[in-house]
Amino acid sequence: MKHLSAFIASLLLLAPISAQAASVLVYEATGEAIVDVTSGTSFAGAFFDLGSDDIDVAAEADTTGATVDAGLFVSSFLSATGVLLESTTVVSSDLTLNDPDNGLATEDFFTVVFGDLSGDDAGLFGDTATVVFSFFEETAAGDLYSPVTARVYSDLTPVPAPAALPLLMVGLGGLVALRRRAKR
């Protein structure tokens, strides 16, 4: 019976450990934006970070033409070069305008995926950085939207520990136990 329970435990430890790939939030800023949304089909805007923290996010996007023109600039006076992340290459974009829910304002989103990243923190992002702007179209004063939140996500997948690592730890623990038993 003792050997059977050890065998079952080792099988469970050999089961693959899966890690879900998820975007990781790297920067977040709240500010305001000058935005022009035309009938839910085009978006043009410039985001201004109003925070007094040491990281500043500036972004602009324009989808009124056939292509998306956008730029992302994240800076910090604490950085060696001052530039944490920068790009003007757009991989994809998506504008999501939600209808009001029972007359209440609903959060709207403009998502831009940037490629060809440069800057001191570009290594945190791999090939792309996803920037999600959230705003409330219903509460805008003309073309001024406030508050607007800009979140910059990394799409890098964390490297999971090998599935054999727990088995190795159990084996080492077993060797320690056998050594103590042999000393008695």
N, C-alpha and C. Protein backbone atom coordinates (compact mmCIF):
# COMPACT_ATOMS: atom_id res chain seq x y z
N MET A 1 0.82 -1.19 0.00
CA MET A 1 0.00 0.00 0.00
C MET A 1 0.87 1.26 0.00
N LYS A 2 1.98 1.16 0.75
CA LYS A 2 2.89 2.30 0.83
C LYS A 2 3.47 2.62 -0.55
N HIS A 3 3.80 1.60 -1.33
CA HIS A 3 4.38 1.81 -2.65
C HIS A 3 3.34 2.35 -3.63
N LEU A 4 2.09 1.91 -3.47
CA LEU A 4 1.03 2.37 -4.36
C LEU A 4 0.77 3.86 -4.18
N SER A 5 0.73 4.33 -2.93
CA SER A 5 0.49 5.76 -2.70
C SER A 5 1.67 6.60 -3.21
N ALA A 6 2.89 6.10 -3.09
CA ALA A 6 4.04 6.82 -3.62
C ALA A 6 3.99 6.87 -5.14
N PHE A 7 3.53 5.77 -5.76
CA PHE A 7 3.42 5.73 -7.22
C PHE A 7 2.37 6.72 -7.71
N ILE A 8 1.23 6.79 -7.04
CA ILE A 8 0.16 7.72 -7.43
C ILE A 8 0.62 9.16 -7.24
N ALA A 9 1.33 9.43 -6.16
CA ALA A 9 1.84 10.79 -5.92
C ALA A 9 2.82 11.20 -7.00
N SER A 10 3.69 10.28 -7.43
CA SER A 10 4.65 10.63 -8.48
C SER A 10 3.96 10.86 -9.82
N LEU A 11 2.87 10.12 -10.11
CA LEU A 11 2.10 10.35 -11.33
C LEU A 11 1.45 11.73 -11.32
N LEU A 12 0.92 12.12 -10.18
CA LEU A 12 0.31 13.44 -10.07
C LEU A 12 1.34 14.55 -10.27
N LEU A 13 2.55 14.32 -9.78
CA LEU A 13 3.59 15.32 -9.94
C LEU A 13 4.08 15.41 -11.38
N LEU A 14 3.97 14.34 -12.12
CA LEU A 14 4.38 14.35 -13.51
C LEU A 14 3.34 14.96 -14.44
N ALA A 15 2.12 15.16 -13.94
CA ALA A 15 1.07 15.76 -14.76
C ALA A 15 1.53 17.13 -15.21
N PRO A 16 1.26 17.47 -16.46
CA PRO A 16 1.73 18.77 -16.94
C PRO A 16 1.12 19.93 -16.18
N ILE A 17 1.96 20.88 -15.88
CA ILE A 17 1.52 22.10 -15.20
C ILE A 17 1.32 23.14 -16.29
N SER A 18 0.08 23.59 -16.47
CA SER A 18 -0.18 24.55 -17.53
C SER A 18 -0.27 25.95 -16.96
N ALA A 19 0.30 26.89 -17.69
CA ALA A 19 0.24 28.29 -17.32
C ALA A 19 -0.58 29.02 -18.37
N GLN A 20 -1.54 29.79 -17.94
CA GLN A 20 -2.36 30.54 -18.86
C GLN A 20 -1.60 31.76 -19.34
N ALA A 21 -1.61 31.97 -20.65
CA ALA A 21 -1.00 33.17 -21.21
C ALA A 21 -1.94 34.33 -20.97
N ALA A 22 -1.45 35.34 -20.32
CA ALA A 22 -2.28 36.51 -20.03
C ALA A 22 -1.45 37.76 -20.20
N SER A 23 -2.12 38.82 -20.58
CA SER A 23 -1.42 40.09 -20.69
C SER A 23 -1.09 40.60 -19.30
N VAL A 24 0.06 41.22 -19.17
CA VAL A 24 0.51 41.74 -17.89
C VAL A 24 0.52 43.27 -17.96
N LEU A 25 -0.16 43.91 -17.01
CA LEU A 25 -0.20 45.37 -16.96
C LEU A 25 1.17 45.89 -16.51
N VAL A 26 1.77 46.76 -17.33
CA VAL A 26 3.08 47.32 -17.01
C VAL A 26 2.96 48.78 -16.59
N TYR A 27 2.22 49.58 -17.34
CA TYR A 27 2.03 50.99 -17.02
C TYR A 27 0.53 51.30 -17.00
N GLU A 28 0.16 52.24 -16.14
CA GLU A 28 -1.21 52.72 -16.11
C GLU A 28 -1.19 54.20 -15.79
N ALA A 29 -1.97 54.96 -16.54
CA ALA A 29 -2.02 56.40 -16.32
C ALA A 29 -3.45 56.88 -16.51
N THR A 30 -3.83 57.86 -15.71
CA THR A 30 -5.14 58.48 -15.85
C THR A 30 -4.93 59.92 -16.25
N GLY A 31 -5.72 60.35 -17.20
CA GLY A 31 -5.58 61.72 -17.68
C GLY A 31 -6.81 62.12 -18.45
N GLU A 32 -6.59 62.93 -19.46
CA GLU A 32 -7.69 63.33 -20.31
C GLU A 32 -7.22 63.25 -21.76
N ALA A 33 -8.20 63.27 -22.64
CA ALA A 33 -7.86 63.15 -24.05
C ALA A 33 -8.77 64.05 -24.87
N ILE A 34 -8.22 64.55 -25.93
CA ILE A 34 -9.01 65.25 -26.92
C ILE A 34 -9.33 64.20 -27.97
N VAL A 35 -10.62 63.88 -28.10
CA VAL A 35 -11.03 62.75 -28.92
C VAL A 35 -12.16 63.18 -29.85
N ASP A 36 -12.10 62.69 -31.08
CA ASP A 36 -13.19 62.87 -32.03
C ASP A 36 -13.62 61.49 -32.50
N VAL A 37 -14.80 61.07 -32.06
CA VAL A 37 -15.35 59.78 -32.47
C VAL A 37 -16.49 60.06 -33.43
N THR A 38 -16.36 59.58 -34.67
CA THR A 38 -17.37 59.84 -35.68
C THR A 38 -18.20 58.60 -35.92
N SER A 39 -19.46 58.65 -35.53
CA SER A 39 -20.45 57.59 -35.75
C SER A 39 -19.92 56.18 -35.51
N GLY A 40 -19.05 56.02 -34.54
CA GLY A 40 -18.57 54.70 -34.17
C GLY A 40 -17.63 54.06 -35.18
N THR A 41 -17.21 54.79 -36.21
CA THR A 41 -16.35 54.19 -37.22
C THR A 41 -14.93 54.73 -37.21
N SER A 42 -14.73 55.91 -36.67
CA SER A 42 -13.38 56.45 -36.65
C SER A 42 -13.08 57.08 -35.30
N PHE A 43 -11.82 57.15 -34.99
CA PHE A 43 -11.35 57.64 -33.70
C PHE A 43 -10.10 58.48 -33.96
N ALA A 44 -10.08 59.66 -33.44
CA ALA A 44 -8.86 60.48 -33.50
C ALA A 44 -8.69 61.11 -32.14
N GLY A 45 -7.52 60.99 -31.56
CA GLY A 45 -7.36 61.55 -30.23
C GLY A 45 -5.92 61.63 -29.78
N ALA A 46 -5.73 62.41 -28.74
CA ALA A 46 -4.42 62.56 -28.12
C ALA A 46 -4.63 62.47 -26.62
N PHE A 47 -3.90 61.56 -25.97
CA PHE A 47 -4.02 61.32 -24.54
C PHE A 47 -2.95 62.10 -23.79
N PHE A 48 -3.35 62.72 -22.68
CA PHE A 48 -2.43 63.48 -21.85
C PHE A 48 -2.46 62.92 -20.44
N ASP A 49 -1.32 62.52 -19.93
CA ASP A 49 -1.18 61.99 -18.58
C ASP A 49 -1.15 63.17 -17.62
N LEU A 50 -2.10 63.20 -16.68
CA LEU A 50 -2.17 64.30 -15.73
C LEU A 50 -1.57 63.94 -14.38
N GLY A 51 -1.06 62.73 -14.26
CA GLY A 51 -0.53 62.28 -12.98
C GLY A 51 0.77 62.98 -12.61
N SER A 52 1.02 63.04 -11.32
CA SER A 52 2.26 63.66 -10.84
C SER A 52 3.29 62.60 -10.45
N ASP A 53 3.09 61.36 -10.96
CA ASP A 53 4.05 60.31 -10.65
C ASP A 53 5.29 60.47 -11.53
N ASP A 54 6.22 59.55 -11.39
CA ASP A 54 7.48 59.68 -12.12
C ASP A 54 7.43 59.08 -13.53
N ILE A 55 6.30 58.49 -13.94
CA ILE A 55 6.16 57.92 -15.28
C ILE A 55 5.07 58.68 -16.02
N ASP A 56 5.40 59.13 -17.22
CA ASP A 56 4.45 59.87 -18.04
C ASP A 56 4.15 59.09 -19.31
N VAL A 57 2.85 59.01 -19.64
CA VAL A 57 2.41 58.31 -20.84
C VAL A 57 1.80 59.34 -21.78
N ALA A 58 2.24 59.32 -23.03
CA ALA A 58 1.64 60.17 -24.06
C ALA A 58 1.32 59.27 -25.24
N ALA A 59 0.14 59.42 -25.79
CA ALA A 59 -0.26 58.59 -26.92
C ALA A 59 -1.19 59.36 -27.82
N GLU A 60 -1.14 59.03 -29.09
CA GLU A 60 -2.06 59.62 -30.04
C GLU A 60 -2.44 58.56 -31.07
N ALA A 61 -3.62 58.69 -31.62
CA ALA A 61 -4.08 57.74 -32.62
C ALA A 61 -5.06 58.42 -33.54
N ASP A 62 -5.09 57.97 -34.80
CA ASP A 62 -6.00 58.51 -35.78
C ASP A 62 -6.39 57.38 -36.74
N THR A 63 -7.68 57.04 -36.76
CA THR A 63 -8.16 56.00 -37.65
C THR A 63 -9.06 56.56 -38.74
N THR A 64 -9.04 57.87 -38.94
CA THR A 64 -9.95 58.47 -39.92
C THR A 64 -9.54 58.17 -41.35
N GLY A 65 -8.30 57.84 -41.59
CA GLY A 65 -7.86 57.50 -42.94
C GLY A 65 -7.95 56.00 -43.18
N ALA A 66 -7.33 55.54 -44.25
CA ALA A 66 -7.34 54.12 -44.58
C ALA A 66 -6.46 53.31 -43.63
N THR A 67 -5.46 53.95 -43.02
CA THR A 67 -4.57 53.26 -42.09
C THR A 67 -4.66 53.92 -40.73
N VAL A 68 -4.15 53.24 -39.75
CA VAL A 68 -4.12 53.77 -38.39
C VAL A 68 -2.77 54.44 -38.17
N ASP A 69 -2.79 55.71 -37.84
CA ASP A 69 -1.57 56.43 -37.47
C ASP A 69 -1.60 56.59 -35.97
N ALA A 70 -0.57 56.13 -35.30
CA ALA A 70 -0.56 56.22 -33.84
C ALA A 70 0.86 56.30 -33.34
N GLY A 71 0.99 56.81 -32.14
CA GLY A 71 2.30 56.91 -31.51
C GLY A 71 2.17 56.70 -30.02
N LEU A 72 3.15 56.07 -29.43
CA LEU A 72 3.18 55.81 -28.00
C LEU A 72 4.53 56.27 -27.47
N PHE A 73 4.51 57.01 -26.37
CA PHE A 73 5.74 57.49 -25.76
C PHE A 73 5.56 57.42 -24.25
N VAL A 74 6.35 56.58 -23.60
CA VAL A 74 6.34 56.45 -22.14
C VAL A 74 7.70 56.90 -21.65
N SER A 75 7.71 57.86 -20.74
CA SER A 75 8.98 58.42 -20.29
C SER A 75 9.04 58.52 -18.77
N SER A 76 10.25 58.66 -18.28
CA SER A 76 10.47 58.84 -16.85
C SER A 76 11.79 59.57 -16.65
N PHE A 77 11.79 60.52 -15.75
CA PHE A 77 13.04 61.22 -15.45
C PHE A 77 13.99 60.31 -14.67
N LEU A 78 13.50 59.17 -14.15
CA LEU A 78 14.35 58.22 -13.43
C LEU A 78 15.12 57.30 -14.36
N SER A 79 14.70 57.23 -15.64
CA SER A 79 15.34 56.36 -16.61
C SER A 79 16.65 56.99 -17.10
N ALA A 80 17.59 56.14 -17.49
CA ALA A 80 18.88 56.63 -17.98
C ALA A 80 18.72 57.53 -19.21
N THR A 81 17.86 57.12 -20.13
CA THR A 81 17.66 57.91 -21.35
C THR A 81 16.41 58.77 -21.30
N GLY A 82 15.56 58.51 -20.32
CA GLY A 82 14.30 59.23 -20.23
C GLY A 82 13.17 58.55 -20.98
N VAL A 83 13.51 57.67 -21.93
CA VAL A 83 12.50 56.99 -22.74
C VAL A 83 12.36 55.54 -22.26
N LEU A 84 11.19 55.20 -21.74
CA LEU A 84 10.94 53.83 -21.30
C LEU A 84 10.42 52.97 -22.44
N LEU A 85 9.49 53.53 -23.23
CA LEU A 85 8.88 52.77 -24.32
C LEU A 85 8.42 53.73 -25.40
N GLU A 86 8.69 53.37 -26.65
CA GLU A 86 8.32 54.25 -27.74
C GLU A 86 8.02 53.42 -28.98
N SER A 87 7.01 53.84 -29.74
CA SER A 87 6.68 53.17 -31.00
C SER A 87 5.75 54.04 -31.83
N THR A 88 5.86 53.91 -33.14
CA THR A 88 4.91 54.54 -34.06
C THR A 88 4.39 53.50 -35.06
N THR A 89 4.70 52.23 -34.81
CA THR A 89 4.25 51.16 -35.69
C THR A 89 3.01 50.50 -35.11
N VAL A 90 1.91 50.56 -35.85
CA VAL A 90 0.65 49.97 -35.40
C VAL A 90 0.47 48.60 -36.04
N VAL A 91 0.27 47.59 -35.20
CA VAL A 91 0.02 46.23 -35.68
C VAL A 91 -1.47 46.04 -35.92
N SER A 92 -2.30 46.50 -34.98
CA SER A 92 -3.75 46.41 -35.12
C SER A 92 -4.41 47.41 -34.17
N SER A 93 -5.70 47.66 -34.42
CA SER A 93 -6.46 48.55 -33.54
C SER A 93 -7.92 48.11 -33.54
N ASP A 94 -8.63 48.50 -32.47
CA ASP A 94 -10.04 48.15 -32.35
C ASP A 94 -10.74 49.21 -31.52
N LEU A 95 -11.85 49.72 -32.03
CA LEU A 95 -12.66 50.70 -31.33
C LEU A 95 -13.95 50.03 -30.89
N THR A 96 -14.24 50.06 -29.58
CA THR A 96 -15.46 49.45 -29.05
C THR A 96 -16.26 50.52 -28.32
N LEU A 97 -17.38 50.92 -28.93
CA LEU A 97 -18.28 51.88 -28.31
C LEU A 97 -19.52 51.13 -27.83
N ASN A 98 -19.76 51.15 -26.53
CA ASN A 98 -20.89 50.43 -25.96
C ASN A 98 -22.08 51.36 -25.81
N ASP A 99 -23.27 50.83 -26.14
CA ASP A 99 -24.49 51.61 -25.99
C ASP A 99 -24.76 51.86 -24.51
N PRO A 100 -25.35 53.01 -24.18
CA PRO A 100 -25.69 53.28 -22.77
C PRO A 100 -26.59 52.18 -22.21
N ASP A 101 -26.36 51.84 -20.96
CA ASP A 101 -27.13 50.81 -20.29
C ASP A 101 -28.17 51.48 -19.40
N ASN A 102 -29.44 51.44 -19.81
CA ASN A 102 -30.54 52.07 -19.06
C ASN A 102 -30.25 53.54 -18.78
N GLY A 103 -29.69 54.23 -19.76
CA GLY A 103 -29.41 55.65 -19.61
C GLY A 103 -28.12 55.96 -18.87
N LEU A 104 -27.43 54.93 -18.38
CA LEU A 104 -26.18 55.14 -17.65
C LEU A 104 -25.00 55.06 -18.61
N ALA A 105 -23.96 55.82 -18.33
CA ALA A 105 -22.76 55.82 -19.16
C ALA A 105 -22.09 54.45 -19.09
N THR A 106 -21.60 53.98 -20.22
CA THR A 106 -20.89 52.71 -20.27
C THR A 106 -19.46 52.97 -20.75
N GLU A 107 -18.56 52.15 -20.25
CA GLU A 107 -17.15 52.33 -20.58
C GLU A 107 -16.88 51.89 -22.02
N ASP A 108 -16.17 52.74 -22.75
CA ASP A 108 -15.80 52.47 -24.13
C ASP A 108 -14.30 52.25 -24.20
N PHE A 109 -13.85 51.56 -25.25
CA PHE A 109 -12.44 51.18 -25.33
C PHE A 109 -11.89 51.43 -26.73
N PHE A 110 -10.66 51.89 -26.76
CA PHE A 110 -9.89 51.94 -28.00
C PHE A 110 -8.59 51.21 -27.72
N THR A 111 -8.34 50.14 -28.47
CA THR A 111 -7.17 49.29 -28.24
C THR A 111 -6.24 49.39 -29.43
N VAL A 112 -4.97 49.66 -29.16
CA VAL A 112 -3.95 49.74 -30.21
C VAL A 112 -2.80 48.81 -29.83
N VAL A 113 -2.40 47.95 -30.75
CA VAL A 113 -1.25 47.08 -30.54
C VAL A 113 -0.08 47.68 -31.32
N PHE A 114 0.99 47.99 -30.59
CA PHE A 114 2.18 48.62 -31.19
C PHE A 114 3.28 47.58 -31.38
N GLY A 115 4.03 47.72 -32.46
CA GLY A 115 5.20 46.87 -32.72
C GLY A 115 6.43 47.74 -32.84
N ASP A 116 7.57 47.15 -33.19
CA ASP A 116 8.85 47.86 -33.33
C ASP A 116 9.11 48.76 -32.13
N LEU A 117 9.13 48.16 -30.96
CA LEU A 117 9.28 48.90 -29.71
C LEU A 117 10.74 49.27 -29.46
N SER A 118 10.94 50.43 -28.88
CA SER A 118 12.27 50.84 -28.46
C SER A 118 12.16 51.52 -27.11
N GLY A 119 13.29 51.74 -26.46
CA GLY A 119 13.32 52.36 -25.14
C GLY A 119 13.91 51.43 -24.11
N ASP A 120 14.14 51.97 -22.92
CA ASP A 120 14.79 51.21 -21.85
C ASP A 120 13.99 49.98 -21.41
N ASP A 121 12.65 50.04 -21.45
CA ASP A 121 11.82 48.93 -20.99
C ASP A 121 11.27 48.08 -22.12
N ALA A 122 11.76 48.24 -23.34
CA ALA A 122 11.24 47.48 -24.48
C ALA A 122 11.39 45.97 -24.27
N GLY A 123 12.41 45.55 -23.52
CA GLY A 123 12.62 44.13 -23.25
C GLY A 123 11.51 43.50 -22.42
N LEU A 124 10.72 44.30 -21.72
CA LEU A 124 9.61 43.77 -20.93
C LEU A 124 8.43 43.36 -21.81
N PHE A 125 8.47 43.74 -23.09
CA PHE A 125 7.30 43.58 -23.94
C PHE A 125 7.43 42.56 -25.05
N GLY A 126 8.60 42.12 -25.39
CA GLY A 126 8.73 41.21 -26.52
C GLY A 126 8.49 41.97 -27.81
N ASP A 127 7.63 41.42 -28.68
CA ASP A 127 7.40 42.02 -30.00
C ASP A 127 6.37 43.13 -30.00
N THR A 128 5.40 43.07 -29.09
CA THR A 128 4.30 44.05 -29.12
C THR A 128 3.95 44.57 -27.73
N ALA A 129 3.33 45.74 -27.73
CA ALA A 129 2.75 46.33 -26.51
C ALA A 129 1.31 46.68 -26.86
N THR A 130 0.38 46.30 -26.01
CA THR A 130 -1.04 46.58 -26.23
C THR A 130 -1.44 47.74 -25.32
N VAL A 131 -1.98 48.79 -25.92
CA VAL A 131 -2.42 49.96 -25.17
C VAL A 131 -3.94 50.02 -25.25
N VAL A 132 -4.59 50.04 -24.09
CA VAL A 132 -6.06 50.11 -24.03
C VAL A 132 -6.44 51.43 -23.38
N PHE A 133 -7.17 52.25 -24.14
CA PHE A 133 -7.71 53.51 -23.63
C PHE A 133 -9.16 53.25 -23.26
N SER A 134 -9.53 53.57 -22.03
CA SER A 134 -10.93 53.43 -21.62
C SER A 134 -11.47 54.82 -21.30
N PHE A 135 -12.69 55.06 -21.76
CA PHE A 135 -13.30 56.37 -21.61
C PHE A 135 -14.81 56.22 -21.65
N PHE A 136 -15.52 57.29 -21.35
CA PHE A 136 -16.98 57.29 -21.37
C PHE A 136 -17.44 58.33 -22.39
N GLU A 137 -17.88 57.84 -23.54
CA GLU A 137 -18.29 58.74 -24.61
C GLU A 137 -19.43 59.65 -24.17
N GLU A 138 -20.33 59.14 -23.32
CA GLU A 138 -21.50 59.90 -22.90
C GLU A 138 -21.16 61.09 -22.01
N THR A 139 -20.02 61.06 -21.34
CA THR A 139 -19.70 62.12 -20.38
C THR A 139 -18.71 63.14 -20.93
N ALA A 140 -18.45 63.09 -22.23
CA ALA A 140 -17.49 64.02 -22.83
C ALA A 140 -18.07 65.42 -22.90
N ALA A 141 -17.19 66.40 -22.70
CA ALA A 141 -17.56 67.81 -22.87
C ALA A 141 -17.00 68.24 -24.22
N GLY A 142 -17.84 68.14 -25.25
CA GLY A 142 -17.35 68.42 -26.60
C GLY A 142 -16.40 67.32 -27.01
N ASP A 143 -15.19 67.68 -27.38
CA ASP A 143 -14.19 66.69 -27.76
C ASP A 143 -13.23 66.35 -26.62
N LEU A 144 -13.46 66.89 -25.41
CA LEU A 144 -12.58 66.62 -24.28
C LEU A 144 -13.17 65.49 -23.44
N TYR A 145 -12.40 64.45 -23.27
CA TYR A 145 -12.81 63.28 -22.50
C TYR A 145 -11.97 63.24 -21.23
N SER A 146 -12.66 63.14 -20.10
CA SER A 146 -11.97 63.06 -18.83
C SER A 146 -12.91 62.38 -17.83
N PRO A 147 -12.48 61.39 -17.10
CA PRO A 147 -11.14 60.81 -17.12
C PRO A 147 -11.00 59.79 -18.24
N VAL A 148 -9.77 59.63 -18.69
CA VAL A 148 -9.40 58.59 -19.65
C VAL A 148 -8.26 57.81 -19.00
N THR A 149 -8.36 56.49 -19.05
CA THR A 149 -7.30 55.66 -18.49
C THR A 149 -6.56 54.97 -19.63
N ALA A 150 -5.26 55.06 -19.60
CA ALA A 150 -4.41 54.37 -20.58
C ALA A 150 -3.67 53.27 -19.84
N ARG A 151 -3.84 52.06 -20.32
CA ARG A 151 -3.15 50.91 -19.73
C ARG A 151 -2.26 50.28 -20.80
N VAL A 152 -1.00 50.05 -20.46
CA VAL A 152 -0.04 49.47 -21.39
C VAL A 152 0.28 48.05 -20.90
N TYR A 153 -0.04 47.06 -21.75
CA TYR A 153 0.12 45.66 -21.39
C TYR A 153 1.24 45.02 -22.19
N SER A 154 1.94 44.10 -21.54
CA SER A 154 2.93 43.26 -22.21
C SER A 154 2.26 41.94 -22.54
N ASP A 155 2.52 41.44 -23.73
CA ASP A 155 1.95 40.15 -24.14
C ASP A 155 2.93 39.00 -23.95
N LEU A 156 4.05 39.25 -23.27
CA LEU A 156 5.00 38.17 -23.01
C LEU A 156 4.38 37.16 -22.06
N THR A 157 4.56 35.90 -22.36
CA THR A 157 4.05 34.84 -21.51
C THR A 157 5.12 34.49 -20.48
N PRO A 158 4.77 34.50 -19.19
CA PRO A 158 5.76 34.11 -18.19
C PRO A 158 6.22 32.67 -18.43
N VAL A 159 7.47 32.40 -18.18
CA VAL A 159 8.01 31.06 -18.37
C VAL A 159 7.66 30.21 -17.16
N PRO A 160 6.88 29.12 -17.37
CA PRO A 160 6.49 28.29 -16.23
C PRO A 160 7.65 27.41 -15.76
N ALA A 161 7.59 27.02 -14.51
CA ALA A 161 8.58 26.09 -13.98
C ALA A 161 8.38 24.75 -14.67
N PRO A 162 9.48 24.03 -14.95
CA PRO A 162 9.33 22.72 -15.59
C PRO A 162 8.49 21.79 -14.72
N ALA A 163 7.73 20.93 -15.38
CA ALA A 163 6.86 20.00 -14.65
C ALA A 163 7.67 19.03 -13.80
N ALA A 164 8.92 18.79 -14.18
CA ALA A 164 9.75 17.85 -13.44
C ALA A 164 10.33 18.45 -12.16
N LEU A 165 10.21 19.76 -11.97
CA LEU A 165 10.79 20.39 -10.79
C LEU A 165 10.18 19.86 -9.49
N PRO A 166 8.86 19.74 -9.36
CA PRO A 166 8.32 19.16 -8.12
C PRO A 166 8.79 17.73 -7.89
N LEU A 167 8.90 16.94 -8.97
CA LEU A 167 9.38 15.57 -8.83
C LEU A 167 10.83 15.54 -8.33
N LEU A 168 11.64 16.46 -8.83
CA LEU A 168 13.02 16.56 -8.36
C LEU A 168 13.07 16.88 -6.87
N MET A 169 12.21 17.79 -6.43
CA MET A 169 12.19 18.16 -5.01
C MET A 169 11.77 16.97 -4.14
N VAL A 170 10.78 16.19 -4.59
CA VAL A 170 10.35 15.01 -3.84
C VAL A 170 11.48 13.99 -3.79
N GLY A 171 12.19 13.82 -4.90
CA GLY A 171 13.32 12.88 -4.93
C GLY A 171 14.42 13.29 -3.97
N LEU A 172 14.75 14.59 -3.96
CA LEU A 172 15.77 15.07 -3.02
C LEU A 172 15.32 14.89 -1.58
N GLY A 173 14.05 15.15 -1.32
CA GLY A 173 13.51 14.94 0.03
C GLY A 173 13.59 13.48 0.44
N GLY A 174 13.32 12.59 -0.53
CA GLY A 174 13.42 11.15 -0.25
C GLY A 174 14.84 10.73 0.07
N LEU A 175 15.82 11.30 -0.64
CA LEU A 175 17.22 10.98 -0.37
C LEU A 175 17.63 11.45 1.02
N VAL A 176 17.16 12.62 1.42
CA VAL A 176 17.46 13.13 2.76
C VAL A 176 16.86 12.20 3.81
N ALA A 177 15.62 11.76 3.58
CA ALA A 177 14.96 10.85 4.53
C ALA A 177 15.70 9.52 4.62
N LEU A 178 16.14 8.98 3.49
CA LEU A 178 16.89 7.72 3.51
C LEU A 178 18.22 7.87 4.24
N ARG A 179 18.86 9.00 4.06
CA ARG A 179 20.15 9.23 4.74
C ARG A 179 19.96 9.30 6.25
N ARG A 180 18.89 9.99 6.68
CA ARG A 180 18.64 10.06 8.13
C ARG A 180 18.31 8.70 8.72
N ARG A 181 17.57 7.89 7.96
CA ARG A 181 17.20 6.55 8.42
C ARG A 181 18.46 5.68 8.53
N ALA A 182 19.38 5.83 7.57
CA ALA A 182 20.60 5.01 7.56
C ALA A 182 21.51 5.38 8.75
N LYS A 183 21.47 6.62 9.22
CA LYS A 183 22.31 7.04 10.34
C LYS A 183 21.83 6.46 11.67
N ARG A 184 20.59 6.07 11.77
CA ARG A 184 20.06 5.55 13.04
C ARG A 184 20.58 4.22 13.34
